[in-house]
């Protein structure tokens, strides 16, 4: 998935998840803070103010590598 579409796709995935799964909100929050948006800045009225994620989308997204035919994993080395 192109990096510019990841945040919207994450939001759609979260919105479509079944409710009532024990502690799922903690898992979603972890992924959001670590890989998608980062933590929301305090004292900001606008919901679009976030710190950078611990691992920004551009760092881990493999869309361009897939299009270029580059191996996206190290499985070939592990074999």
N, C-alpha and C. Protein backbone atom coordinates (compact mmCIF):
# COMPACT_ATOMS: atom_id res chain seq x y z
N UNK A 1 0.85 -1.16 0.00
CA UNK A 1 0.00 0.00 0.00
C UNK A 1 0.90 1.24 0.00
N UNK A 2 0.62 2.21 -0.83
CA UNK A 2 1.42 3.44 -0.86
C UNK A 2 1.42 4.12 0.51
N UNK A 3 2.55 4.68 0.91
CA UNK A 3 2.65 5.31 2.23
C UNK A 3 1.57 6.36 2.51
N UNK A 4 1.17 7.11 1.50
CA UNK A 4 0.18 8.16 1.72
C UNK A 4 -1.21 7.60 2.03
N UNK A 5 -1.44 6.31 1.77
CA UNK A 5 -2.74 5.69 2.03
C UNK A 5 -2.80 4.91 3.33
N UNK A 6 -1.68 4.75 4.01
CA UNK A 6 -1.63 3.89 5.20
C UNK A 6 -2.50 4.41 6.33
N UNK A 7 -2.45 5.70 6.62
CA UNK A 7 -3.23 6.25 7.73
C UNK A 7 -4.73 6.07 7.50
N UNK A 8 -5.19 6.35 6.30
CA UNK A 8 -6.61 6.18 6.00
C UNK A 8 -7.01 4.70 6.09
N UNK A 9 -6.16 3.81 5.59
CA UNK A 9 -6.45 2.38 5.65
C UNK A 9 -6.48 1.89 7.10
N UNK A 10 -5.58 2.39 7.93
CA UNK A 10 -5.57 2.04 9.35
C UNK A 10 -6.87 2.47 10.00
N UNK A 11 -7.30 3.69 9.72
CA UNK A 11 -8.56 4.19 10.29
C UNK A 11 -9.75 3.34 9.85
N UNK A 12 -9.79 2.95 8.58
CA UNK A 12 -10.87 2.10 8.09
C UNK A 12 -10.85 0.74 8.78
N UNK A 13 -9.67 0.20 8.97
CA UNK A 13 -9.53 -1.09 9.64
C UNK A 13 -10.04 -1.01 11.08
N UNK A 14 -9.64 0.04 11.79
CA UNK A 14 -10.07 0.22 13.18
C UNK A 14 -11.58 0.40 13.25
N UNK A 15 -12.14 1.18 12.34
CA UNK A 15 -13.59 1.40 12.33
C UNK A 15 -14.39 0.13 12.04
N UNK A 16 -13.80 -0.80 11.31
CA UNK A 16 -14.52 -2.02 10.94
C UNK A 16 -14.31 -3.17 11.92
N UNK A 17 -13.46 -2.97 12.94
CA UNK A 17 -13.21 -4.03 13.91
C UNK A 17 -14.42 -4.27 14.79
N UNK A 18 -14.68 -5.52 15.15
CA UNK A 18 -15.79 -5.80 16.07
C UNK A 18 -15.52 -5.20 17.44
N UNK A 19 -16.54 -4.75 18.10
CA UNK A 19 -16.42 -4.15 19.42
C UNK A 19 -16.44 -5.23 20.50
N UNK A 20 -15.94 -4.91 21.66
CA UNK A 20 -16.03 -5.80 22.80
C UNK A 20 -14.91 -6.83 22.92
N UNK A 21 -13.90 -6.75 22.07
CA UNK A 21 -12.78 -7.67 22.19
C UNK A 21 -11.88 -7.16 23.31
N UNK A 22 -11.64 -8.00 24.28
CA UNK A 22 -10.89 -7.61 25.47
C UNK A 22 -9.50 -7.08 25.12
N UNK A 23 -9.21 -5.87 25.55
CA UNK A 23 -7.92 -5.20 25.44
C UNK A 23 -7.49 -4.88 24.00
N UNK A 24 -8.40 -4.98 23.05
CA UNK A 24 -8.04 -4.67 21.67
C UNK A 24 -7.70 -3.20 21.51
N UNK A 25 -8.35 -2.34 22.29
CA UNK A 25 -8.04 -0.91 22.20
C UNK A 25 -6.58 -0.63 22.55
N UNK A 26 -6.00 -1.43 23.44
CA UNK A 26 -4.58 -1.26 23.79
C UNK A 26 -3.68 -1.62 22.62
N UNK A 27 -4.04 -2.67 21.89
CA UNK A 27 -3.26 -3.09 20.72
C UNK A 27 -3.34 -2.03 19.63
N UNK A 28 -4.54 -1.52 19.39
CA UNK A 28 -4.73 -0.49 18.37
C UNK A 28 -3.93 0.76 18.73
N UNK A 29 -4.00 1.17 19.99
CA UNK A 29 -3.27 2.36 20.44
C UNK A 29 -1.77 2.17 20.27
N UNK A 30 -1.27 0.99 20.61
CA UNK A 30 0.16 0.71 20.44
C UNK A 30 0.58 0.88 18.98
N UNK A 31 -0.16 0.25 18.06
CA UNK A 31 0.20 0.36 16.65
C UNK A 31 0.06 1.80 16.15
N UNK A 32 -0.95 2.49 16.60
CA UNK A 32 -1.14 3.87 16.18
C UNK A 32 0.03 4.74 16.63
N UNK A 33 0.43 4.62 17.88
CA UNK A 33 1.52 5.45 18.41
C UNK A 33 2.88 5.04 17.83
N UNK A 34 3.07 3.75 17.62
CA UNK A 34 4.38 3.27 17.20
C UNK A 34 4.61 3.36 15.70
N UNK A 35 3.57 3.07 14.90
CA UNK A 35 3.77 2.95 13.46
C UNK A 35 2.96 3.91 12.59
N UNK A 36 1.92 4.52 13.11
CA UNK A 36 1.03 5.31 12.24
C UNK A 36 1.15 6.81 12.51
N UNK A 37 0.69 7.28 13.66
CA UNK A 37 0.60 8.72 13.91
C UNK A 37 1.54 9.24 14.99
N UNK A 38 1.90 8.44 15.92
CA UNK A 38 2.59 8.95 17.09
C UNK A 38 1.55 9.40 18.10
N UNK A 39 2.01 9.97 19.18
CA UNK A 39 1.09 10.41 20.23
C UNK A 39 0.56 11.80 19.93
N UNK A 40 -0.66 12.05 20.36
CA UNK A 40 -1.29 13.36 20.17
C UNK A 40 -0.61 14.36 21.10
N UNK A 41 -0.36 15.55 20.59
CA UNK A 41 0.26 16.60 21.40
C UNK A 41 -0.77 17.17 22.36
N UNK A 42 -0.39 17.34 23.59
CA UNK A 42 -1.31 17.87 24.60
C UNK A 42 -1.52 19.36 24.40
N UNK A 43 -2.70 19.80 24.82
CA UNK A 43 -3.00 21.22 24.78
C UNK A 43 -3.31 21.76 23.40
N UNK A 44 -3.46 20.90 22.45
CA UNK A 44 -3.77 21.34 21.09
C UNK A 44 -5.23 21.04 20.80
N UNK A 45 -5.97 22.02 20.37
CA UNK A 45 -7.38 21.82 20.07
C UNK A 45 -7.61 21.03 18.80
N UNK A 46 -6.69 21.12 17.87
CA UNK A 46 -6.82 20.45 16.59
C UNK A 46 -6.39 18.99 16.73
N UNK A 47 -7.24 18.07 16.29
CA UNK A 47 -6.94 16.64 16.42
C UNK A 47 -5.86 16.17 15.45
N UNK A 48 -5.35 17.04 14.61
CA UNK A 48 -4.33 16.65 13.63
C UNK A 48 -2.92 16.87 14.13
N UNK A 49 -2.75 17.29 15.36
CA UNK A 49 -1.42 17.57 15.89
C UNK A 49 -0.88 16.35 16.62
N UNK A 50 0.01 15.64 15.97
CA UNK A 50 0.61 14.44 16.54
C UNK A 50 2.11 14.55 16.45
N UNK A 51 2.79 13.90 17.40
CA UNK A 51 4.23 13.75 17.28
C UNK A 51 4.50 12.75 16.17
N UNK A 52 5.72 12.66 15.75
CA UNK A 52 6.06 11.65 14.76
C UNK A 52 6.01 10.28 15.43
N UNK A 53 5.56 9.28 14.69
CA UNK A 53 5.52 7.92 15.21
C UNK A 53 6.94 7.44 15.52
N UNK A 54 7.06 6.48 16.42
CA UNK A 54 8.37 5.93 16.75
C UNK A 54 9.07 5.38 15.52
N UNK A 55 8.30 4.73 14.65
CA UNK A 55 8.80 4.21 13.38
C UNK A 55 7.90 4.75 12.28
N UNK A 56 8.26 5.87 11.67
CA UNK A 56 7.40 6.49 10.66
C UNK A 56 7.09 5.55 9.49
N UNK A 57 5.97 5.78 8.87
CA UNK A 57 5.48 4.95 7.78
C UNK A 57 6.54 4.80 6.69
N UNK A 58 7.24 5.86 6.36
CA UNK A 58 8.24 5.82 5.30
C UNK A 58 9.39 4.87 5.64
N UNK A 59 9.61 4.62 6.92
CA UNK A 59 10.70 3.74 7.34
C UNK A 59 10.36 2.27 7.13
N UNK A 60 9.13 1.88 7.42
CA UNK A 60 8.77 0.46 7.37
C UNK A 60 7.93 0.05 6.16
N UNK A 61 7.36 0.99 5.45
CA UNK A 61 6.50 0.65 4.32
C UNK A 61 7.34 0.10 3.17
N UNK A 62 6.91 -1.01 2.59
CA UNK A 62 7.67 -1.69 1.55
C UNK A 62 7.00 -1.62 0.17
N UNK A 63 6.10 -0.67 -0.02
CA UNK A 63 5.39 -0.55 -1.29
C UNK A 63 6.34 -0.33 -2.46
N UNK A 64 7.24 0.61 -2.32
CA UNK A 64 8.17 0.92 -3.41
C UNK A 64 9.08 -0.26 -3.71
N UNK A 65 9.52 -0.96 -2.66
CA UNK A 65 10.38 -2.13 -2.86
C UNK A 65 9.63 -3.22 -3.62
N UNK A 66 8.37 -3.39 -3.29
CA UNK A 66 7.57 -4.39 -3.99
C UNK A 66 7.41 -4.06 -5.46
N UNK A 67 7.18 -2.79 -5.76
CA UNK A 67 7.05 -2.37 -7.16
C UNK A 67 8.36 -2.54 -7.93
N UNK A 68 9.47 -2.36 -7.22
CA UNK A 68 10.78 -2.46 -7.87
C UNK A 68 11.29 -3.90 -7.94
N UNK A 69 10.55 -4.83 -7.34
CA UNK A 69 10.98 -6.23 -7.37
C UNK A 69 12.06 -6.56 -6.38
N UNK A 70 12.27 -5.69 -5.40
CA UNK A 70 13.28 -5.91 -4.37
C UNK A 70 12.67 -6.79 -3.28
N UNK A 71 13.46 -7.71 -2.74
CA UNK A 71 12.98 -8.57 -1.66
C UNK A 71 12.56 -7.70 -0.48
N UNK A 72 11.38 -7.98 0.05
CA UNK A 72 10.86 -7.19 1.16
C UNK A 72 11.15 -7.82 2.52
N UNK A 73 11.70 -9.02 2.52
CA UNK A 73 12.04 -9.70 3.76
C UNK A 73 13.45 -10.25 3.64
N UNK A 74 13.94 -10.84 4.72
CA UNK A 74 15.25 -11.48 4.70
C UNK A 74 15.09 -12.99 4.66
N UNK A 75 13.93 -13.48 4.25
CA UNK A 75 13.69 -14.92 4.22
C UNK A 75 14.72 -15.67 3.38
N UNK A 76 15.17 -15.06 2.28
CA UNK A 76 16.15 -15.74 1.42
C UNK A 76 17.47 -15.95 2.15
N UNK A 77 17.84 -15.06 3.05
CA UNK A 77 19.06 -15.17 3.82
C UNK A 77 18.89 -16.24 4.89
N UNK A 78 17.71 -16.31 5.48
CA UNK A 78 17.48 -17.27 6.55
C UNK A 78 17.44 -18.70 6.05
N UNK A 79 17.15 -18.89 4.77
CA UNK A 79 17.08 -20.24 4.21
C UNK A 79 18.43 -20.86 4.11
